[in-house]
Amino acid sequence: MAKPLPPFSGDTTTCPKCSNTDAFTEYKPEGEPRSGFGAWGTDLPERLERRCARCGFIWEEQTNPPVEETEPDAAESPYFANLPDQP
């Protein structure tokens, strides 16, 4: 079984090879190979591919879990923000 990917490290991640703090992020669906490697159909999971802007090192991280959307409270809706209070 494959080792689990580390969680997404955010916009200010640090390259594990050269310690640069600037990296590009690209979404990769399940089965898509790493950039420049192999063919489709690999056992790679859905992930975020990170690539260092300085040295080009590539590493992978988990995608964020989905955010559950809830119905906004009508009183907090911006649509109602400028309406006068009811008598």
PDB file of N, CA and C in Angstrom:
ATOM      1  N   MET A   1       0.840  -1.175   0.000  1.00  0.00           N
ATOM      2  CA  MET A   1       0.000   0.000   0.000  1.00  0.00           C
ATOM      3  C   MET A   1       0.888   1.243   0.000  1.00  0.00           C
ATOM      4  N   ALA A   2       0.450   2.252  -0.740  1.00  0.00           N
ATOM      5  CA  ALA A   2       1.234   3.480  -0.861  1.00  0.00           C
ATOM      6  C   ALA A   2       1.211   4.279   0.435  1.00  0.00           C
ATOM      7  N   LYS A   3       2.312   4.947   0.686  1.00  0.00           N
ATOM      8  CA  LYS A   3       2.423   5.807   1.855  1.00  0.00           C
ATOM      9  C   LYS A   3       1.486   7.004   1.672  1.00  0.00           C
ATOM     10  N   PRO A   4       0.729   7.404   2.716  1.00  0.00           N
ATOM     11  CA  PRO A   4      -0.194   8.531   2.548  1.00  0.00           C
ATOM     12  C   PRO A   4       0.562   9.830   2.269  1.00  0.00           C
ATOM     13  N   LEU A   5      -0.057  10.679   1.475  1.00  0.00           N
ATOM     14  CA  LEU A   5       0.556  11.958   1.140  1.00  0.00           C
ATOM     15  C   LEU A   5       0.463  12.913   2.322  1.00  0.00           C
ATOM     16  N   PRO A   6       1.433  13.819   2.449  1.00  0.00           N
ATOM     17  CA  PRO A   6       1.334  14.815   3.514  1.00  0.00           C
ATOM     18  C   PRO A   6       0.205  15.796   3.205  1.00  0.00           C
ATOM     19  N   PRO A   7      -0.331  16.466   4.219  1.00  0.00           N
ATOM     20  CA  PRO A   7      -1.404  17.435   3.969  1.00  0.00           C
ATOM     21  C   PRO A   7      -0.883  18.636   3.175  1.00  0.00           C
ATOM     22  N   PHE A   8      -1.802  19.353   2.538  1.00  0.00           N
ATOM     23  CA  PHE A   8      -1.449  20.558   1.788  1.00  0.00           C
ATOM     24  C   PHE A   8      -0.773  21.547   2.721  1.00  0.00           C
ATOM     25  N   SER A   9       0.385  22.052   2.319  1.00  0.00           N
ATOM     26  CA  SER A   9       1.184  22.915   3.197  1.00  0.00           C
ATOM     27  C   SER A   9       0.903  24.397   3.027  1.00  0.00           C
ATOM     28  N   GLY A  10      -0.036  24.747   2.171  1.00  0.00           N
ATOM     29  CA  GLY A  10      -0.418  26.146   2.027  1.00  0.00           C
ATOM     30  C   GLY A  10       0.394  26.886   0.979  1.00  0.00           C
ATOM     31  N   ASP A  11       0.113  28.178   0.877  1.00  0.00           N
ATOM     32  CA  ASP A  11       0.749  28.995  -0.149  1.00  0.00           C
ATOM     33  C   ASP A  11       2.213  29.298   0.143  1.00  0.00           C
ATOM     34  N   THR A  12       2.601  29.266   1.390  1.00  0.00           N
ATOM     35  CA  THR A  12       3.978  29.593   1.751  1.00  0.00           C
ATOM     36  C   THR A  12       4.727  28.333   2.179  1.00  0.00           C
ATOM     37  N   THR A  13       4.788  27.371   1.283  1.00  0.00           N
ATOM     38  CA  THR A  13       5.478  26.114   1.566  1.00  0.00           C
ATOM     39  C   THR A  13       6.984  26.270   1.363  1.00  0.00           C
ATOM     40  N   THR A  14       7.741  25.345   1.900  1.00  0.00           N
ATOM     41  CA  THR A  14       9.197  25.357   1.753  1.00  0.00           C
ATOM     42  C   THR A  14       9.638  24.106   1.000  1.00  0.00           C
ATOM     43  N   CYS A  15      10.454  24.289  -0.027  1.00  0.00           N
ATOM     44  CA  CYS A  15      10.969  23.158  -0.798  1.00  0.00           C
ATOM     45  C   CYS A  15      11.818  22.270   0.106  1.00  0.00           C
ATOM     46  N   PRO A  16      11.553  20.956   0.111  1.00  0.00           N
ATOM     47  CA  PRO A  16      12.332  20.056   0.959  1.00  0.00           C
ATOM     48  C   PRO A  16      13.781  19.867   0.497  1.00  0.00           C
ATOM     49  N   LYS A  17      14.127  20.307  -0.696  1.00  0.00           N
ATOM     50  CA  LYS A  17      15.497  20.125  -1.206  1.00  0.00           C
ATOM     51  C   LYS A  17      16.355  21.385  -1.085  1.00  0.00           C
ATOM     52  N   CYS A  18      15.799  22.567  -1.451  1.00  0.00           N
ATOM     53  CA  CYS A  18      16.634  23.778  -1.470  1.00  0.00           C
ATOM     54  C   CYS A  18      16.147  24.868  -0.514  1.00  0.00           C
ATOM     55  N   SER A  19      15.042  24.622   0.187  1.00  0.00           N
ATOM     56  CA  SER A  19      14.470  25.541   1.185  1.00  0.00           C
ATOM     57  C   SER A  19      13.902  26.830   0.605  1.00  0.00           C
ATOM     58  N   ASN A  20      13.717  26.887  -0.704  1.00  0.00           N
ATOM     59  CA  ASN A  20      13.063  28.045  -1.304  1.00  0.00           C
ATOM     60  C   ASN A  20      11.608  28.080  -0.840  1.00  0.00           C
ATOM     61  N   THR A  21      11.050  29.270  -0.704  1.00  0.00           N
ATOM     62  CA  THR A  21       9.672  29.384  -0.207  1.00  0.00           C
ATOM     63  C   THR A  21       8.685  29.753  -1.307  1.00  0.00           C
ATOM     64  N   ASP A  22       9.003  29.436  -2.546  1.00  0.00           N
ATOM     65  CA  ASP A  22       8.098  29.717  -3.659  1.00  0.00           C
ATOM     66  C   ASP A  22       7.911  28.433  -4.462  1.00  0.00           C
ATOM     67  N   ALA A  23       6.661  27.970  -4.547  1.00  0.00           N
ATOM     68  CA  ALA A  23       6.383  26.735  -5.281  1.00  0.00           C
ATOM     69  C   ALA A  23       5.107  26.889  -6.097  1.00  0.00           C
ATOM     70  N   PHE A  24       5.070  26.231  -7.236  1.00  0.00           N
ATOM     71  CA  PHE A  24       3.877  26.180  -8.069  1.00  0.00           C
ATOM     72  C   PHE A  24       3.036  24.989  -7.625  1.00  0.00           C
ATOM     73  N   THR A  25       1.727  25.078  -7.820  1.00  0.00           N
ATOM     74  CA  THR A  25       0.811  24.002  -7.437  1.00  0.00           C
ATOM     75  C   THR A  25      -0.056  23.647  -8.632  1.00  0.00           C
ATOM     76  N   GLU A  26      -0.178  22.342  -8.912  1.00  0.00           N
ATOM     77  CA  GLU A  26      -1.037  21.875  -9.999  1.00  0.00           C
ATOM     78  C   GLU A  26      -1.855  20.691  -9.510  1.00  0.00           C
ATOM     79  N   TYR A  27      -3.165  20.746  -9.746  1.00  0.00           N
ATOM     80  CA  TYR A  27      -4.050  19.644  -9.373  1.00  0.00           C
ATOM     81  C   TYR A  27      -3.825  18.472 -10.325  1.00  0.00           C
ATOM     82  N   LYS A  28      -3.757  17.267  -9.770  1.00  0.00           N
ATOM     83  CA  LYS A  28      -3.616  16.042 -10.562  1.00  0.00           C
ATOM     84  C   LYS A  28      -4.718  15.069 -10.153  1.00  0.00           C
ATOM     85  N   PRO A  29      -5.592  14.671 -11.093  1.00  0.00           N
ATOM     86  CA  PRO A  29      -6.624  13.691 -10.756  1.00  0.00           C
ATOM     87  C   PRO A  29      -6.016  12.305 -10.546  1.00  0.00           C
ATOM     88  N   GLU A  30      -6.779  11.431  -9.937  1.00  0.00           N
ATOM     89  CA  GLU A  30      -6.324  10.063  -9.673  1.00  0.00           C
ATOM     90  C   GLU A  30      -5.862   9.400 -10.964  1.00  0.00           C
ATOM     91  N   GLY A  31      -4.697   8.758 -10.924  1.00  0.00           N
ATOM     92  CA  GLY A  31      -4.174   8.023 -12.072  1.00  0.00           C
ATOM     93  C   GLY A  31      -3.302   8.836 -13.005  1.00  0.00           C
ATOM     94  N   GLU A  32      -3.337  10.167 -12.901  1.00  0.00           N
ATOM     95  CA  GLU A  32      -2.499  10.982 -13.787  1.00  0.00           C
ATOM     96  C   GLU A  32      -1.054  10.931 -13.304  1.00  0.00           C
ATOM     97  N   PRO A  33      -0.104  10.707 -14.227  1.00  0.00           N
ATOM     98  CA  PRO A  33       1.297  10.604 -13.808  1.00  0.00           C
ATOM     99  C   PRO A  33       1.865  11.955 -13.394  1.00  0.00           C
ATOM    100  N   ARG A  34       3.020  11.904 -12.760  1.00  0.00           N
ATOM    101  CA  ARG A  34       3.742  13.135 -12.436  1.00  0.00           C
ATOM    102  C   ARG A  34       4.098  13.858 -13.730  1.00  0.00           C
ATOM    103  N   SER A  35       4.270  15.152 -13.655  1.00  0.00           N
ATOM    104  CA  SER A  35       4.659  15.936 -14.830  1.00  0.00           C
ATOM    105  C   SER A  35       5.949  15.388 -15.424  1.00  0.00           C
ATOM    106  N   GLY A  36       5.899  15.067 -16.718  1.00  0.00           N
ATOM    107  CA  GLY A  36       7.078  14.587 -17.415  1.00  0.00           C
ATOM    108  C   GLY A  36       7.437  13.134 -17.185  1.00  0.00           C
ATOM    109  N   PHE A  37       6.568  12.360 -16.501  1.00  0.00           N
ATOM    110  CA  PHE A  37       6.886  10.966 -16.190  1.00  0.00           C
ATOM    111  C   PHE A  37       5.744  10.051 -16.602  1.00  0.00           C
ATOM    112  N   GLY A  38       6.074   8.881 -17.101  1.00  0.00           N
ATOM    113  CA  GLY A  38       5.146   7.769 -17.266  1.00  0.00           C
ATOM    114  C   GLY A  38       3.889   8.032 -18.064  1.00  0.00           C
ATOM    115  N   ALA A  39       2.983   7.076 -17.942  1.00  0.00           N
ATOM    116  CA  ALA A  39       1.730   7.118 -18.671  1.00  0.00           C
ATOM    117  C   ALA A  39       0.559   7.093 -17.702  1.00  0.00           C
ATOM    118  N   TRP A  40      -0.604   7.410 -18.227  1.00  0.00           N
ATOM    119  CA  TRP A  40      -1.826   7.372 -17.419  1.00  0.00           C
ATOM    120  C   TRP A  40      -2.068   5.955 -16.919  1.00  0.00           C
ATOM    121  N   GLY A  41      -2.885   5.844 -15.877  1.00  0.00           N
ATOM    122  CA  GLY A  41      -3.230   4.541 -15.348  1.00  0.00           C
ATOM    123  C   GLY A  41      -2.346   4.115 -14.200  1.00  0.00           C
ATOM    124  N   THR A  42      -1.540   5.021 -13.684  1.00  0.00           N
ATOM    125  CA  THR A  42      -0.705   4.685 -12.532  1.00  0.00           C
ATOM    126  C   THR A  42      -1.578   4.594 -11.286  1.00  0.00           C
ATOM    127  N   ASP A  43      -0.998   4.157 -10.187  1.00  0.00           N
ATOM    128  CA  ASP A  43      -1.772   4.042  -8.949  1.00  0.00           C
ATOM    129  C   ASP A  43      -1.673   5.305  -8.089  1.00  0.00           C
ATOM    130  N   LEU A  44      -1.286   6.423  -8.682  1.00  0.00           N
ATOM    131  CA  LEU A  44      -1.185   7.667  -7.923  1.00  0.00           C
ATOM    132  C   LEU A  44      -2.578   8.197  -7.585  1.00  0.00           C
ATOM    133  N   PRO A  45      -2.777   8.667  -6.355  1.00  0.00           N
ATOM    134  CA  PRO A  45      -4.089   9.177  -5.954  1.00  0.00           C
ATOM    135  C   PRO A  45      -4.318  10.609  -6.449  1.00  0.00           C
ATOM    136  N   GLU A  46      -5.536  11.088  -6.276  1.00  0.00           N
ATOM    137  CA  GLU A  46      -5.823  12.504  -6.501  1.00  0.00           C
ATOM    138  C   GLU A  46      -4.897  13.296  -5.576  1.00  0.00           C
ATOM    139  N   ARG A  47      -4.306  14.368  -6.090  1.00  0.00           N
ATOM    140  CA  ARG A  47      -3.308  15.068  -5.285  1.00  0.00           C
ATOM    141  C   ARG A  47      -3.022  16.454  -5.851  1.00  0.00           C
ATOM    142  N   LEU A  48      -2.229  17.203  -5.099  1.00  0.00           N
ATOM    143  CA  LEU A  48      -1.685  18.470  -5.562  1.00  0.00           C
ATOM    144  C   LEU A  48      -0.199  18.260  -5.800  1.00  0.00           C
ATOM    145  N   GLU A  49       0.248  18.548  -7.008  1.00  0.00           N
ATOM    146  CA  GLU A  49       1.660  18.417  -7.335  1.00  0.00           C
ATOM    147  C   GLU A  49       2.319  19.774  -7.098  1.00  0.00           C
ATOM    148  N   ARG A  50       3.338  19.788  -6.250  1.00  0.00           N
ATOM    149  CA  ARG A  50       4.074  21.018  -5.938  1.00  0.00           C
ATOM    150  C   ARG A  50       5.405  20.972  -6.667  1.00  0.00           C
ATOM    151  N   ARG A  51       5.815  22.106  -7.238  1.00  0.00           N
ATOM    152  CA  ARG A  51       7.092  22.182  -7.949  1.00  0.00           C
ATOM    153  C   ARG A  51       7.815  23.444  -7.513  1.00  0.00           C
ATOM    154  N   CYS A  52       9.025  23.281  -7.035  1.00  0.00           N
ATOM    155  CA  CYS A  52       9.830  24.401  -6.550  1.00  0.00           C
ATOM    156  C   CYS A  52      10.150  25.363  -7.694  1.00  0.00           C
ATOM    157  N   ALA A  53       9.968  26.658  -7.438  1.00  0.00           N
ATOM    158  CA  ALA A  53      10.257  27.676  -8.451  1.00  0.00           C
ATOM    159  C   ALA A  53      11.756  27.860  -8.675  1.00  0.00           C
ATOM    160  N   ARG A  54      12.579  27.429  -7.742  1.00  0.00           N
ATOM    161  CA  ARG A  54      14.033  27.594  -7.884  1.00  0.00           C
ATOM    162  C   ARG A  54      14.687  26.354  -8.491  1.00  0.00           C
ATOM    163  N   CYS A  55      14.538  25.192  -7.846  1.00  0.00           N
ATOM    164  CA  CYS A  55      15.293  24.001  -8.275  1.00  0.00           C
ATOM    165  C   CYS A  55      14.468  23.015  -9.104  1.00  0.00           C
ATOM    166  N   GLY A  56      13.140  23.196  -9.162  1.00  0.00           N
ATOM    167  CA  GLY A  56      12.301  22.320  -9.970  1.00  0.00           C
ATOM    168  C   GLY A  56      11.928  21.003  -9.317  1.00  0.00           C
ATOM    169  N   PHE A  57      12.321  20.789  -8.063  1.00  0.00           N
ATOM    170  CA  PHE A  57      11.972  19.550  -7.369  1.00  0.00           C
ATOM    171  C   PHE A  57      10.451  19.424  -7.290  1.00  0.00           C
ATOM    172  N   ILE A  58       9.942  18.209  -7.512  1.00  0.00           N
ATOM    173  CA  ILE A  58       8.499  17.947  -7.483  1.00  0.00           C
ATOM    174  C   ILE A  58       8.172  17.071  -6.291  1.00  0.00           C
ATOM    175  N   TRP A  59       7.125  17.445  -5.555  1.00  0.00           N
ATOM    176  CA  TRP A  59       6.599  16.613  -4.476  1.00  0.00           C
ATOM    177  C   TRP A  59       5.088  16.721  -4.488  1.00  0.00           C
ATOM    178  N   GLU A  60       4.442  15.776  -3.844  1.00  0.00           N
ATOM    179  CA  GLU A  60       2.986  15.737  -3.843  1.00  0.00           C
ATOM    180  C   GLU A  60       2.423  15.911  -2.449  1.00  0.00           C
ATOM    181  N   GLU A  61       1.222  16.515  -2.396  1.00  0.00           N
ATOM    182  CA  GLU A  61       0.506  16.717  -1.142  1.00  0.00           C
ATOM    183  C   GLU A  61      -0.962  16.391  -1.355  1.00  0.00           C
ATOM    184  N   GLN A  62      -1.669  16.158  -0.260  1.00  0.00           N
ATOM    185  CA  GLN A  62      -3.098  15.864  -0.319  1.00  0.00           C
ATOM    186  C   GLN A  62      -3.882  17.087  -0.781  1.00  0.00           C
ATOM    187  N   THR A  63      -5.040  16.822  -1.379  1.00  0.00           N
ATOM    188  CA  THR A  63      -5.977  17.914  -1.624  1.00  0.00           C
ATOM    189  C   THR A  63      -6.676  18.220  -0.307  1.00  0.00           C
ATOM    190  N   ASN A  64      -7.235  19.405  -0.196  1.00  0.00           N
ATOM    191  CA  ASN A  64      -7.989  19.743   1.010  1.00  0.00           C
ATOM    192  C   ASN A  64      -9.306  18.992   1.002  1.00  0.00           C
ATOM    193  N   PRO A  65      -9.821  18.623   2.165  1.00  0.00           N
ATOM    194  CA  PRO A  65     -11.125  17.970   2.194  1.00  0.00           C
ATOM    195  C   PRO A  65     -12.201  18.950   1.739  1.00  0.00           C
ATOM    196  N   PRO A  66     -13.300  18.452   1.167  1.00  0.00           N
ATOM    197  CA  PRO A  66     -14.356  19.355   0.717  1.00  0.00           C
ATOM    198  C   PRO A  66     -14.953  20.135   1.884  1.00  0.00           C
ATOM    199  N   VAL A  67     -15.328  21.372   1.604  1.00  0.00           N
ATOM    200  CA  VAL A  67     -15.948  22.228   2.610  1.00  0.00           C
ATOM    201  C   VAL A  67     -17.453  22.065   2.495  1.00  0.00           C
ATOM    202  N   GLU A  68     -18.088  21.776   3.614  1.00  0.00           N
ATOM    203  CA  GLU A  68     -19.538  21.641   3.600  1.00  0.00           C
ATOM    204  C   GLU A  68     -20.173  23.019   3.554  1.00  0.00           C
ATOM    205  N   GLU A  69     -21.047  23.214   2.583  1.00  0.00           N
ATOM    206  CA  GLU A  69     -21.733  24.493   2.464  1.00  0.00           C
ATOM    207  C   GLU A  69     -23.031  24.431   3.250  1.00  0.00           C
ATOM    208  N   THR A  70     -23.303  25.492   3.966  1.00  0.00           N
ATOM    209  CA  THR A  70     -24.548  25.585   4.718  1.00  0.00           C
ATOM    210  C   THR A  70     -25.350  26.756   4.189  1.00  0.00           C
ATOM    211  N   GLU A  71     -26.638  26.729   4.439  1.00  0.00           N
ATOM    212  CA  GLU A  71     -27.498  27.832   4.038  1.00  0.00           C
ATOM    213  C   GLU A  71     -27.144  29.059   4.860  1.00  0.00           C
ATOM    214  N   PRO A  72     -26.922  30.215   4.213  1.00  0.00           N
ATOM    215  CA  PRO A  72     -26.616  31.406   4.999  1.00  0.00           C
ATOM    216  C   PRO A  72     -27.838  31.862   5.788  1.00  0.00           C
ATOM    217  N   ASP A  73     -27.576  32.391   6.948  1.00  0.00           N
ATOM    218  CA  ASP A  73     -28.640  32.952   7.770  1.00  0.00           C
ATOM    219  C   ASP A  73     -29.125  34.215   7.074  1.00  0.00           C
ATOM    220  N   ALA A  74     -30.427  34.361   6.878  1.00  0.00           N
ATOM    221  CA  ALA A  74     -30.988  35.510   6.172  1.00  0.00           C
ATOM    222  C   ALA A  74     -30.554  36.820   6.812  1.00  0.00           C
ATOM    223  N   ALA A  75     -30.442  36.858   8.129  1.00  0.00           N
ATOM    224  CA  ALA A  75     -30.048  38.084   8.822  1.00  0.00           C
ATOM    225  C   ALA A  75     -28.599  38.456   8.509  1.00  0.00           C
ATOM    226  N   GLU A  76     -27.768  37.485   8.123  1.00  0.00           N
ATOM    227  CA  GLU A  76     -26.368  37.760   7.830  1.00  0.00           C
ATOM    228  C   GLU A  76     -26.108  37.952   6.338  1.00  0.00           C
ATOM    229  N   SER A  77     -27.125  37.771   5.524  1.00  0.00           N
ATOM    230  CA  SER A  77     -26.957  37.876   4.087  1.00  0.00           C
ATOM    231  C   SER A  77     -26.691  39.321   3.681  1.00  0.00           C
ATOM    232  N   PRO A  78     -25.721  39.572   2.776  1.00  0.00           N
ATOM    233  CA  PRO A  78     -25.460  40.939   2.334  1.00  0.00           C
ATOM    234  C   PRO A  78     -26.661  41.552   1.622  1.00  0.00           C
ATOM    235  N   TYR A  79     -27.544  40.718   1.081  1.00  0.00           N
ATOM    236  CA  TYR A  79     -28.734  41.230   0.406  1.00  0.00           C
ATOM    237  C   TYR A  79     -29.597  42.031   1.371  1.00  0.00           C
ATOM    238  N   PHE A  80     -29.673  41.585   2.613  1.00  0.00           N
ATOM    239  CA  PHE A  80     -30.517  42.239   3.603  1.00  0.00           C
ATOM    240  C   PHE A  80     -29.769  43.283   4.433  1.00  0.00           C
ATOM    241  N   ALA A  81     -28.507  43.482   4.191  1.00  0.00           N
ATOM    242  CA  ALA A  81     -27.688  44.341   5.044  1.00  0.00           C
ATOM    243  C   ALA A  81     -28.132  45.794   5.044  1.00  0.00           C
ATOM    244  N   ASN A  82     -28.612  46.318   3.919  1.00  0.00           N
ATOM    245  CA  ASN A  82     -28.950  47.737   3.834  1.00  0.00           C
ATOM    246  C   ASN A  82     -30.439  48.021   3.953  1.00  0.00           C
ATOM    247  N   LEU A  83     -31.232  47.021   4.254  1.00  0.00           N
ATOM    248  CA  LEU A  83     -32.667  47.242   4.425  1.00  0.00           C
ATOM    249  C   LEU A  83     -32.939  47.842   5.799  1.00  0.00           C
ATOM    250  N   PRO A  84     -33.922  48.751   5.877  1.00  0.00           N
ATOM    251  CA  PRO A  84     -34.241  49.321   7.194  1.00  0.00           C
ATOM    252  C   PRO A  84     -34.861  48.262   8.095  1.00  0.00           C
ATOM    253  N   ASP A  85     -34.693  48.451   9.392  1.00  0.00           N
ATOM    254  CA  ASP A  85     -35.305  47.542  10.355  1.00  0.00           C
ATOM    255  C   ASP A  85     -36.818  47.631  10.248  1.00  0.00           C
ATOM    256  N   GLN A  86     -37.468  46.521  10.469  1.00  0.00           N
ATOM    257  CA  GLN A  86     -38.934  46.487  10.431  1.00  0.00           C
ATOM    258  C   GLN A  86     -39.494  47.059  11.729  1.00  0.00           C
ATOM    259  N   PRO A  87     -40.599  47.840  11.638  1.00  0.00           N
ATOM    260  CA  PRO A  87     -41.188  48.407  12.872  1.00  0.00           C
ATOM    261  C   PRO A  87     -41.784  47.358  13.762  1.00  0.00           C
TER     262      PRO A  87
END
